[in-house]
Amino acid sequence: MFLPTILLLSIFSILSLVSAPAPPPHYLLSNPQSFSLKYRVPTVHKSAMLARRIVNLSSIATLSTVFPSNPSIEDDFSTLSHPASDLGGAPIGLMDYYASCSPRPYNPTFLAISIATTFRNTRAGSNVTLNLRWHPPPSAPPSDDIYTYSPANMPRFSLVGYIEPIPTSEILSYDVEACFLDRHPDAEAWLPGNKIHQSWWGRLVVKEIYWIGGFGDRAYIGWIPEREWNAVSEDEVAKARLVGEDGYEKYTESIEQEVLEL
């Protein structure tokens, strides 16, 4: 008895799919064009787009700085409850407001309060790391897979750089104040010239980006070059979609199915 040719071809196709081994991790991370898309992680540029979208959608981050080893007399740390001499070289991470404003939306804008520890440390020469992670929106569709919205599967990243004052000409030309207050209306009480604290407009000049897109078999993990970060257009940011957003494409649905079947 002979099987029809079409049936034989179908059987051989199924067997080849079942027996095909998964590619090794180093092959997967190389984003090979010739292999099935289900084994490709997002490119560095795609990851930069996603990170820039998180920056645009978020407005609160953790800023990490380092206490100075030799605080100056001019920058009196005696107002702190803990003596600065014990903290020299120690890092500290604190929550702060930021906004993604023109003309450099890739460099987050801050309303810097001079008395705040973060900006005291930057004034003493500390670099800054801004840390963010993606929080799926409340409207995110439900999932039977416990890993879909697992914090370990969510993108998170750090922007490393330094704080610089924003020139007055840019503040006025691009209405930085309105941009910031649109995200943080309560910050009106701390605008420059207020009677509570001395403040000024600054921005984080991003020099290094470290990205963890999620699980390593389906997301890029590594450094994003500064030029790639700056090159992402606002149109790309607007079109990018993150886990839980409407229009998000699940690139690794077939991989997850294989994992569940193991």
C-alpha atoms as a PDB file:
ATOM      1  CA  MET A   1       0.000   0.000   0.000  1.00  0.00           C
ATOM      2  CA  PHE A   2       1.386   3.388  -1.037  1.00  0.00           C
ATOM      3  CA  LEU A   3       0.562   6.662   0.692  1.00  0.00           C
ATOM      4  CA  PRO A   4      -0.358   9.597  -1.515  1.00  0.00           C
ATOM      5  CA  THR A   5       2.556  11.910  -2.286  1.00  0.00           C
ATOM      6  CA  ILE A   6       0.914  14.903  -0.576  1.00  0.00           C
ATOM      7  CA  LEU A   7       0.387  12.920   2.640  1.00  0.00           C
ATOM      8  CA  LEU A   8       4.008  11.745   2.650  1.00  0.00           C
ATOM      9  CA  LEU A   9       5.269  15.290   2.224  1.00  0.00           C
ATOM     10  CA  SER A  10       3.054  16.420   5.095  1.00  0.00           C
ATOM     11  CA  ILE A  11       4.413  13.710   7.391  1.00  0.00           C
ATOM     12  CA  PHE A  12       8.018  14.572   6.517  1.00  0.00           C
ATOM     13  CA  SER A  13       7.326  18.253   7.181  1.00  0.00           C
ATOM     14  CA  ILE A  14       5.853  17.530  10.608  1.00  0.00           C
ATOM     15  CA  LEU A  15       8.753  15.241  11.538  1.00  0.00           C
ATOM     16  CA  SER A  16      11.303  17.835  10.507  1.00  0.00           C
ATOM     17  CA  LEU A  17       9.613  20.455  12.680  1.00  0.00           C
ATOM     18  CA  VAL A  18       9.462  18.159  15.692  1.00  0.00           C
ATOM     19  CA  SER A  19      13.075  17.033  15.383  1.00  0.00           C
ATOM     20  CA  ALA A  20      14.532  20.471  14.637  1.00  0.00           C
ATOM     21  CA  PRO A  21      16.704  21.443  17.602  1.00  0.00           C
ATOM     22  CA  ALA A  22      16.422  24.870  19.171  1.00  0.00           C
ATOM     23  CA  PRO A  23      19.377  27.106  18.281  1.00  0.00           C
ATOM     24  CA  PRO A  24      22.073  27.715  20.898  1.00  0.00           C
ATOM     25  CA  PRO A  25      21.881  30.946  22.940  1.00  0.00           C
ATOM     26  CA  HIS A  26      24.794  32.626  21.135  1.00  0.00           C
ATOM     27  CA  TYR A  27      23.052  32.000  17.796  1.00  0.00           C
ATOM     28  CA  LEU A  28      19.770  33.355  19.116  1.00  0.00           C
ATOM     29  CA  LEU A  29      21.383  36.575  20.370  1.00  0.00           C
ATOM     30  CA  SER A  30      23.039  37.230  17.011  1.00  0.00           C
ATOM     31  CA  ASN A  31      19.631  37.944  15.408  1.00  0.00           C
ATOM     32  CA  PRO A  32      20.350  35.855  12.292  1.00  0.00           C
ATOM     33  CA  GLN A  33      18.327  36.933   9.269  1.00  0.00           C
ATOM     34  CA  SER A  34      18.304  33.444   7.768  1.00  0.00           C
ATOM     35  CA  PHE A  35      16.650  31.705  10.718  1.00  0.00           C
ATOM     36  CA  SER A  36      12.973  31.555  11.612  1.00  0.00           C
ATOM     37  CA  LEU A  37      11.710  34.819  13.105  1.00  0.00           C
ATOM     38  CA  LYS A  38      10.391  32.959  16.126  1.00  0.00           C
ATOM     39  CA  TYR A  39      13.973  32.587  17.355  1.00  0.00           C
ATOM     40  CA  ARG A  40      14.973  36.224  16.910  1.00  0.00           C
ATOM     41  CA  VAL A  41      15.138  38.723  19.739  1.00  0.00           C
ATOM     42  CA  PRO A  42      14.439  42.420  19.049  1.00  0.00           C
ATOM     43  CA  THR A  43      17.347  44.334  17.547  1.00  0.00           C
ATOM     44  CA  VAL A  44      19.321  46.953  19.451  1.00  0.00           C
ATOM     45  CA  HIS A  45      17.436  49.694  17.594  1.00  0.00           C
ATOM     46  CA  LYS A  46      14.068  48.118  18.379  1.00  0.00           C
ATOM     47  CA  SER A  47      15.102  47.879  22.029  1.00  0.00           C
ATOM     48  CA  ALA A  48      16.120  51.550  21.966  1.00  0.00           C
ATOM     49  CA  MET A  49      12.655  52.397  20.617  1.00  0.00           C
ATOM     50  CA  LEU A  50      10.988  50.506  23.462  1.00  0.00           C
ATOM     51  CA  ALA A  51      13.202  52.151  26.079  1.00  0.00           C
ATOM     52  CA  ARG A  52      12.503  55.599  24.641  1.00  0.00           C
ATOM     53  CA  ARG A  53       8.775  54.839  24.757  1.00  0.00           C
ATOM     54  CA  ILE A  54       9.032  53.968  28.450  1.00  0.00           C
ATOM     55  CA  VAL A  55      10.813  57.282  29.043  1.00  0.00           C
ATOM     56  CA  ASN A  56       7.996  59.114  27.239  1.00  0.00           C
ATOM     57  CA  LEU A  57       5.164  57.303  29.014  1.00  0.00           C
ATOM     58  CA  SER A  58       6.686  57.434  32.485  1.00  0.00           C
ATOM     59  CA  SER A  59       7.469  60.524  34.546  1.00  0.00           C
ATOM     60  CA  ILE A  60       8.869  59.198  37.836  1.00  0.00           C
ATOM     61  CA  ALA A  61      12.206  57.423  38.176  1.00  0.00           C
ATOM     62  CA  THR A  62      14.866  56.485  40.687  1.00  0.00           C
ATOM     63  CA  LEU A  63      17.984  58.652  40.430  1.00  0.00           C
ATOM     64  CA  SER A  64      21.175  57.155  41.826  1.00  0.00           C
ATOM     65  CA  THR A  65      24.182  59.266  42.776  1.00  0.00           C
ATOM     66  CA  VAL A  66      27.274  58.910  44.961  1.00  0.00           C
ATOM     67  CA  PHE A  67      28.070  60.914  48.075  1.00  0.00           C
ATOM     68  CA  PRO A  68      31.273  62.993  47.789  1.00  0.00           C
ATOM     69  CA  SER A  69      34.325  61.748  49.664  1.00  0.00           C
ATOM     70  CA  ASN A  70      35.288  65.276  50.674  1.00  0.00           C
ATOM     71  CA  PRO A  71      32.189  67.504  50.861  1.00  0.00           C
ATOM     72  CA  SER A  72      33.006  71.187  50.564  1.00  0.00           C
ATOM     73  CA  ILE A  73      32.175  73.781  53.199  1.00  0.00           C
ATOM     74  CA  GLU A  74      30.091  75.652  50.640  1.00  0.00           C
ATOM     75  CA  ASP A  75      27.863  72.605  50.226  1.00  0.00           C
ATOM     76  CA  ASP A  76      27.015  72.123  53.896  1.00  0.00           C
ATOM     77  CA  PHE A  77      25.798  68.588  54.501  1.00  0.00           C
ATOM     78  CA  SER A  78      25.341  69.277  58.202  1.00  0.00           C
ATOM     79  CA  THR A  79      21.617  69.741  57.603  1.00  0.00           C
ATOM     80  CA  LEU A  80      21.403  66.006  56.909  1.00  0.00           C
ATOM     81  CA  SER A  81      20.531  63.720  59.791  1.00  0.00           C
ATOM     82  CA  HIS A  82      23.564  61.554  59.043  1.00  0.00           C
ATOM     83  CA  PRO A  83      27.128  62.949  58.887  1.00  0.00           C
ATOM     84  CA  ALA A  84      28.412  62.983  55.314  1.00  0.00           C
ATOM     85  CA  SER A  85      31.901  61.942  56.431  1.00  0.00           C
ATOM     86  CA  ASP A  86      30.543  58.428  56.970  1.00  0.00           C
ATOM     87  CA  LEU A  87      28.969  58.293  53.512  1.00  0.00           C
ATOM     88  CA  GLY A  88      31.784  59.272  51.153  1.00  0.00           C
ATOM     89  CA  GLY A  89      31.658  57.078  48.046  1.00  0.00           C
ATOM     90  CA  ALA A  90      28.384  55.411  49.053  1.00  0.00           C
ATOM     91  CA  PRO A  91      25.590  55.321  46.444  1.00  0.00           C
ATOM     92  CA  ILE A  92      22.043  56.456  47.134  1.00  0.00           C
ATOM     93  CA  GLY A  93      18.922  56.078  44.992  1.00  0.00           C
ATOM     94  CA  LEU A  94      15.969  58.436  45.398  1.00  0.00           C
ATOM     95  CA  MET A  95      12.695  58.992  43.574  1.00  0.00           C
ATOM     96  CA  ASP A  96      12.373  62.111  41.460  1.00  0.00           C
ATOM     97  CA  TYR A  97      10.106  63.705  38.874  1.00  0.00           C
ATOM     98  CA  TYR A  98      11.221  64.009  35.262  1.00  0.00           C
ATOM     99  CA  ALA A  99       9.684  64.790  31.880  1.00  0.00           C
ATOM    100  CA  SER A 100      10.608  64.077  28.276  1.00  0.00           C
ATOM    101  CA  CYS A 101      10.734  67.581  26.775  1.00  0.00           C
ATOM    102  CA  SER A 102      11.967  69.264  23.596  1.00  0.00           C
ATOM    103  CA  PRO A 103      14.434  69.953  22.147  1.00  0.00           C
ATOM    104  CA  ARG A 104      16.122  66.784  23.459  1.00  0.00           C
ATOM    105  CA  PRO A 105      13.409  64.323  24.531  1.00  0.00           C
ATOM    106  CA  TYR A 106      16.057  61.593  24.789  1.00  0.00           C
ATOM    107  CA  ASN A 107      17.694  63.511  27.672  1.00  0.00           C
ATOM    108  CA  PRO A 108      15.161  63.609  30.570  1.00  0.00           C
ATOM    109  CA  THR A 109      14.372  67.043  32.047  1.00  0.00           C
ATOM    110  CA  PHE A 110      14.391  67.728  35.802  1.00  0.00           C
ATOM    111  CA  LEU A 111      13.244  70.495  38.090  1.00  0.00           C
ATOM    112  CA  ALA A 112      16.328  70.342  40.286  1.00  0.00           C
ATOM    113  CA  ILE A 113      15.866  71.346  43.917  1.00  0.00           C
ATOM    114  CA  SER A 114      19.245  72.625  45.111  1.00  0.00           C
ATOM    115  CA  ILE A 115      18.827  71.305  48.664  1.00  0.00           C
ATOM    116  CA  ALA A 116      17.912  67.783  47.480  1.00  0.00           C
ATOM    117  CA  THR A 117      20.539  65.109  48.113  1.00  0.00           C
ATOM    118  CA  THR A 118      20.588  64.011  44.469  1.00  0.00           C
ATOM    119  CA  PHE A 119      21.484  67.452  43.189  1.00  0.00           C
ATOM    120  CA  ARG A 120      23.894  68.160  46.034  1.00  0.00           C
ATOM    121  CA  ASN A 121      25.777  65.068  44.967  1.00  0.00           C
ATOM    122  CA  THR A 122      25.773  66.053  41.296  1.00  0.00           C
ATOM    123  CA  ARG A 123      27.019  69.505  42.231  1.00  0.00           C
ATOM    124  CA  ALA A 124      29.891  67.780  44.041  1.00  0.00           C
ATOM    125  CA  GLY A 125      30.765  65.909  40.846  1.00  0.00           C
ATOM    126  CA  SER A 126      28.697  62.723  40.965  1.00  0.00           C
ATOM    127  CA  ASN A 127      27.410  61.179  37.780  1.00  0.00           C
ATOM    128  CA  VAL A 128      23.781  60.038  37.699  1.00  0.00           C
ATOM    129  CA  THR A 129      21.987  56.816  36.852  1.00  0.00           C
ATOM    130  CA  LEU A 130      18.268  57.000  36.070  1.00  0.00           C
ATOM    131  CA  ASN A 131      16.479  53.684  36.576  1.00  0.00           C
ATOM    132  CA  LEU A 132      13.131  52.806  35.010  1.00  0.00           C
ATOM    133  CA  ARG A 133      10.997  49.726  34.492  1.00  0.00           C
ATOM    134  CA  TRP A 134       7.835  49.087  32.525  1.00  0.00           C
ATOM    135  CA  HIS A 135       4.535  48.717  34.365  1.00  0.00           C
ATOM    136  CA  PRO A 136       1.787  47.230  32.161  1.00  0.00           C
ATOM    137  CA  PRO A 137      -1.323  49.446  32.117  1.00  0.00           C
ATOM    138  CA  PRO A 138      -4.422  48.459  34.132  1.00  0.00           C
ATOM    139  CA  SER A 139      -6.191  47.899  30.810  1.00  0.00           C
ATOM    140  CA  ALA A 140      -3.724  45.167  29.783  1.00  0.00           C
ATOM    141  CA  PRO A 141      -5.566  42.062  28.545  1.00  0.00           C
ATOM    142  CA  PRO A 142      -5.542  39.042  30.883  1.00  0.00           C
ATOM    143  CA  SER A 143      -3.175  36.161  30.185  1.00  0.00           C
ATOM    144  CA  ASP A 144      -3.230  32.512  31.231  1.00  0.00           C
ATOM    145  CA  ASP A 145       0.569  32.479  31.103  1.00  0.00           C
ATOM    146  CA  ILE A 146       1.947  33.542  34.503  1.00  0.00           C
ATOM    147  CA  TYR A 147       5.119  34.798  32.807  1.00  0.00           C
ATOM    148  CA  THR A 148       3.447  37.297  30.467  1.00  0.00           C
ATOM    149  CA  TYR A 149       3.239  40.040  33.103  1.00  0.00           C
ATOM    150  CA  SER A 150       5.919  38.697  35.404  1.00  0.00           C
ATOM    151  CA  PRO A 151       8.178  41.550  36.615  1.00  0.00           C
ATOM    152  CA  ALA A 152      11.113  39.414  35.465  1.00  0.00           C
ATOM    153  CA  ASN A 153       9.697  39.538  31.930  1.00  0.00           C
ATOM    154  CA  MET A 154       9.172  43.315  31.942  1.00  0.00           C
ATOM    155  CA  PRO A 155      11.691  45.702  30.364  1.00  0.00           C
ATOM    156  CA  ARG A 156      13.895  47.691  32.720  1.00  0.00           C
ATOM    157  CA  PHE A 157      16.947  49.808  32.073  1.00  0.00           C
ATOM    158  CA  SER A 158      19.413  52.359  33.375  1.00  0.00           C
ATOM    159  CA  LEU A 159      20.465  55.641  31.782  1.00  0.00           C
ATOM    160  CA  VAL A 160      23.944  56.696  32.866  1.00  0.00           C
ATOM    161  CA  GLY A 161      25.166  60.246  32.439  1.00  0.00           C
ATOM    162  CA  TYR A 162      25.466  63.630  34.111  1.00  0.00           C
ATOM    163  CA  ILE A 163      23.215  66.583  34.914  1.00  0.00           C
ATOM    164  CA  GLU A 164      23.661  69.865  33.054  1.00  0.00           C
ATOM    165  CA  PRO A 165      21.688  73.118  33.417  1.00  0.00           C
ATOM    166  CA  ILE A 166      19.310  73.909  30.562  1.00  0.00           C
ATOM    167  CA  PRO A 167      20.113  77.252  28.911  1.00  0.00           C
ATOM    168  CA  THR A 168      17.530  79.983  29.517  1.00  0.00           C
ATOM    169  CA  SER A 169      17.082  80.377  25.754  1.00  0.00           C
ATOM    170  CA  GLU A 170      15.937  76.752  25.441  1.00  0.00           C
ATOM    171  CA  ILE A 171      13.698  76.995  28.500  1.00  0.00           C
ATOM    172  CA  LEU A 172      11.841  79.897  26.899  1.00  0.00           C
ATOM    173  CA  SER A 173      11.924  78.755  23.263  1.00  0.00           C
ATOM    174  CA  TYR A 174      10.598  75.267  23.983  1.00  0.00           C
ATOM    175  CA  ASP A 175       8.417  76.145  26.983  1.00  0.00           C
ATOM    176  CA  VAL A 176      10.114  73.593  29.205  1.00  0.00           C
ATOM    177  CA  GLU A 177       8.072  74.752  32.188  1.00  0.00           C
ATOM    178  CA  ALA A 178       4.751  73.928  30.484  1.00  0.00           C
ATOM    179  CA  CYS A 179       6.088  70.548  29.351  1.00  0.00           C
ATOM    180  CA  PHE A 180       7.128  69.641  32.885  1.00  0.00           C
ATOM    181  CA  LEU A 181       3.946  70.893  34.549  1.00  0.00           C
ATOM    182  CA  ASP A 182       1.869  68.902  32.069  1.00  0.00           C
ATOM    183  CA  ARG A 183       3.294  65.752  33.682  1.00  0.00           C
ATOM    184  CA  HIS A 184       3.633  67.137  37.220  1.00  0.00           C
ATOM    185  CA  PRO A 185       1.065  69.866  37.992  1.00  0.00           C
ATOM    186  CA  ASP A 186       2.029  69.850  41.684  1.00  0.00           C
ATOM    187  CA  ALA A 187       5.572  70.904  40.780  1.00  0.00           C
ATOM    188  CA  GLU A 188       4.302  74.443  40.242  1.00  0.00           C
ATOM    189  CA  ALA A 189       5.083  75.112  43.914  1.00  0.00           C
ATOM    190  CA  TRP A 190       8.792  74.436  43.296  1.00  0.00           C
ATOM    191  CA  LEU A 191       9.345  76.380  40.070  1.00  0.00           C
ATOM    192  CA  PRO A 192      12.422  78.611  39.930  1.00  0.00           C
ATOM    193  CA  GLY A 193      11.790  81.778  41.922  1.00  0.00           C
ATOM    194  CA  ASN A 194       9.477  80.111  44.464  1.00  0.00           C
ATOM    195  CA  LYS A 195       9.622  81.085  48.150  1.00  0.00           C
ATOM    196  CA  ILE A 196      10.231  77.545  49.435  1.00  0.00           C
ATOM    197  CA  HIS A 197      13.388  76.182  47.790  1.00  0.00           C
ATOM    198  CA  GLN A 198      15.996  77.296  45.308  1.00  0.00           C
ATOM    199  CA  SER A 199      15.473  75.371  42.080  1.00  0.00           C
ATOM    200  CA  TRP A 200      16.677  75.279  38.478  1.00  0.00           C
ATOM    201  CA  TRP A 201      16.045  73.422  35.230  1.00  0.00           C
ATOM    202  CA  GLY A 202      18.437  70.619  34.365  1.00  0.00           C
ATOM    203  CA  ARG A 203      18.612  67.543  32.182  1.00  0.00           C
ATOM    204  CA  LEU A 204      20.337  64.199  32.231  1.00  0.00           C
ATOM    205  CA  VAL A 205      22.843  63.988  29.389  1.00  0.00           C
ATOM    206  CA  VAL A 206      22.619  60.281  28.602  1.00  0.00           C
ATOM    207  CA  LYS A 207      25.962  58.688  27.723  1.00  0.00           C
ATOM    208  CA  GLU A 208      25.351  54.989  28.413  1.00  0.00           C
ATOM    209  CA  ILE A 209      22.209  52.830  28.303  1.00  0.00           C
ATOM    210  CA  TYR A 210      21.955  49.357  29.815  1.00  0.00           C
ATOM    211  CA  TRP A 211      18.794  47.483  28.793  1.00  0.00           C
ATOM    212  CA  ILE A 212      17.176  44.293  30.066  1.00  0.00           C
ATOM    213  CA  GLY A 213      14.226  43.672  27.778  1.00  0.00           C
ATOM    214  CA  GLY A 214      12.915  40.641  29.671  1.00  0.00           C
ATOM    215  CA  PHE A 215      13.795  36.958  29.514  1.00  0.00           C
ATOM    216  CA  GLY A 216      17.015  36.370  27.605  1.00  0.00           C
ATOM    217  CA  ASP A 217      15.540  33.926  25.089  1.00  0.00           C
ATOM    218  CA  ARG A 218      13.122  36.529  23.735  1.00  0.00           C
ATOM    219  CA  ALA A 219      14.509  39.960  24.577  1.00  0.00           C
ATOM    220  CA  TYR A 220      17.716  41.894  24.032  1.00  0.00           C
ATOM    221  CA  ILE A 221      19.921  42.273  27.110  1.00  0.00           C
ATOM    222  CA  GLY A 222      22.947  44.527  26.871  1.00  0.00           C
ATOM    223  CA  TRP A 223      24.223  48.003  26.100  1.00  0.00           C
ATOM    224  CA  ILE A 224      22.538  50.389  23.675  1.00  0.00           C
ATOM    225  CA  PRO A 225      24.961  52.832  22.002  1.00  0.00           C
ATOM    226  CA  GLU A 226      24.394  56.533  22.657  1.00  0.00           C
ATOM    227  CA  ARG A 227      24.065  57.244  18.927  1.00  0.00           C
ATOM    228  CA  GLU A 228      21.330  54.589  18.640  1.00  0.00           C
ATOM    229  CA  TRP A 229      19.504  56.104  21.619  1.00  0.00           C
ATOM    230  CA  ASN A 230      19.599  59.614  20.182  1.00  0.00           C
ATOM    231  CA  ALA A 231      18.676  58.454  16.672  1.00  0.00           C
ATOM    232  CA  VAL A 232      15.253  57.063  17.635  1.00  0.00           C
ATOM    233  CA  SER A 233      12.616  59.376  16.153  1.00  0.00           C
ATOM    234  CA  GLU A 234       9.509  60.562  17.965  1.00  0.00           C
ATOM    235  CA  ASP A 235       7.462  58.815  15.269  1.00  0.00           C
ATOM    236  CA  GLU A 236       9.151  55.510  16.122  1.00  0.00           C
ATOM    237  CA  VAL A 237       8.479  56.117  19.814  1.00  0.00           C
ATOM    238  CA  ALA A 238       4.798  56.775  19.082  1.00  0.00           C
ATOM    239  CA  LYS A 239       4.433  53.592  17.024  1.00  0.00           C
ATOM    240  CA  ALA A 240       6.333  51.267  19.388  1.00  0.00           C
ATOM    241  CA  ARG A 241       4.251  49.047  21.660  1.00  0.00           C
ATOM    242  CA  LEU A 242       5.107  47.442  24.981  1.00  0.00           C
ATOM    243  CA  VAL A 243       3.712  44.393  26.779  1.00  0.00           C
ATOM    244  CA  GLY A 244       0.083  45.041  27.703  1.00  0.00           C
ATOM    245  CA  GLU A 245      -0.446  47.933  25.284  1.00  0.00           C
ATOM    246  CA  ASP A 246      -3.012  47.797  22.490  1.00  0.00           C
ATOM    247  CA  GLY A 247      -1.320  46.639  19.303  1.00  0.00           C
ATOM    248  CA  TYR A 248       1.547  44.856  21.038  1.00  0.00           C
ATOM    249  CA  GLU A 249       2.867  42.011  18.917  1.00  0.00           C
ATOM    250  CA  LYS A 250       3.960  38.901  20.735  1.00  0.00           C
ATOM    251  CA  TYR A 251       7.150  38.001  18.887  1.00  0.00           C
ATOM    252  CA  THR A 252       7.796  34.789  20.765  1.00  0.00           C
ATOM    253  CA  GLU A 253       4.404  33.127  21.005  1.00  0.00           C
ATOM    254  CA  SER A 254       5.750  29.947  19.395  1.00  0.00           C
ATOM    255  CA  ILE A 255       8.738  29.843  21.762  1.00  0.00           C
ATOM    256  CA  GLU A 256       6.481  30.133  24.800  1.00  0.00           C
ATOM    257  CA  GLN A 257       4.297  27.332  23.452  1.00  0.00           C
ATOM    258  CA  GLU A 258       7.354  25.083  23.090  1.00  0.00           C
ATOM    259  CA  VAL A 259       8.410  25.847  26.671  1.00  0.00           C
ATOM    260  CA  LEU A 260       4.961  24.933  27.966  1.00  0.00           C
ATOM    261  CA  GLU A 261       5.074  21.620  26.089  1.00  0.00           C
ATOM    262  CA  LEU A 262       8.451  20.568  27.551  1.00  0.00           C
END
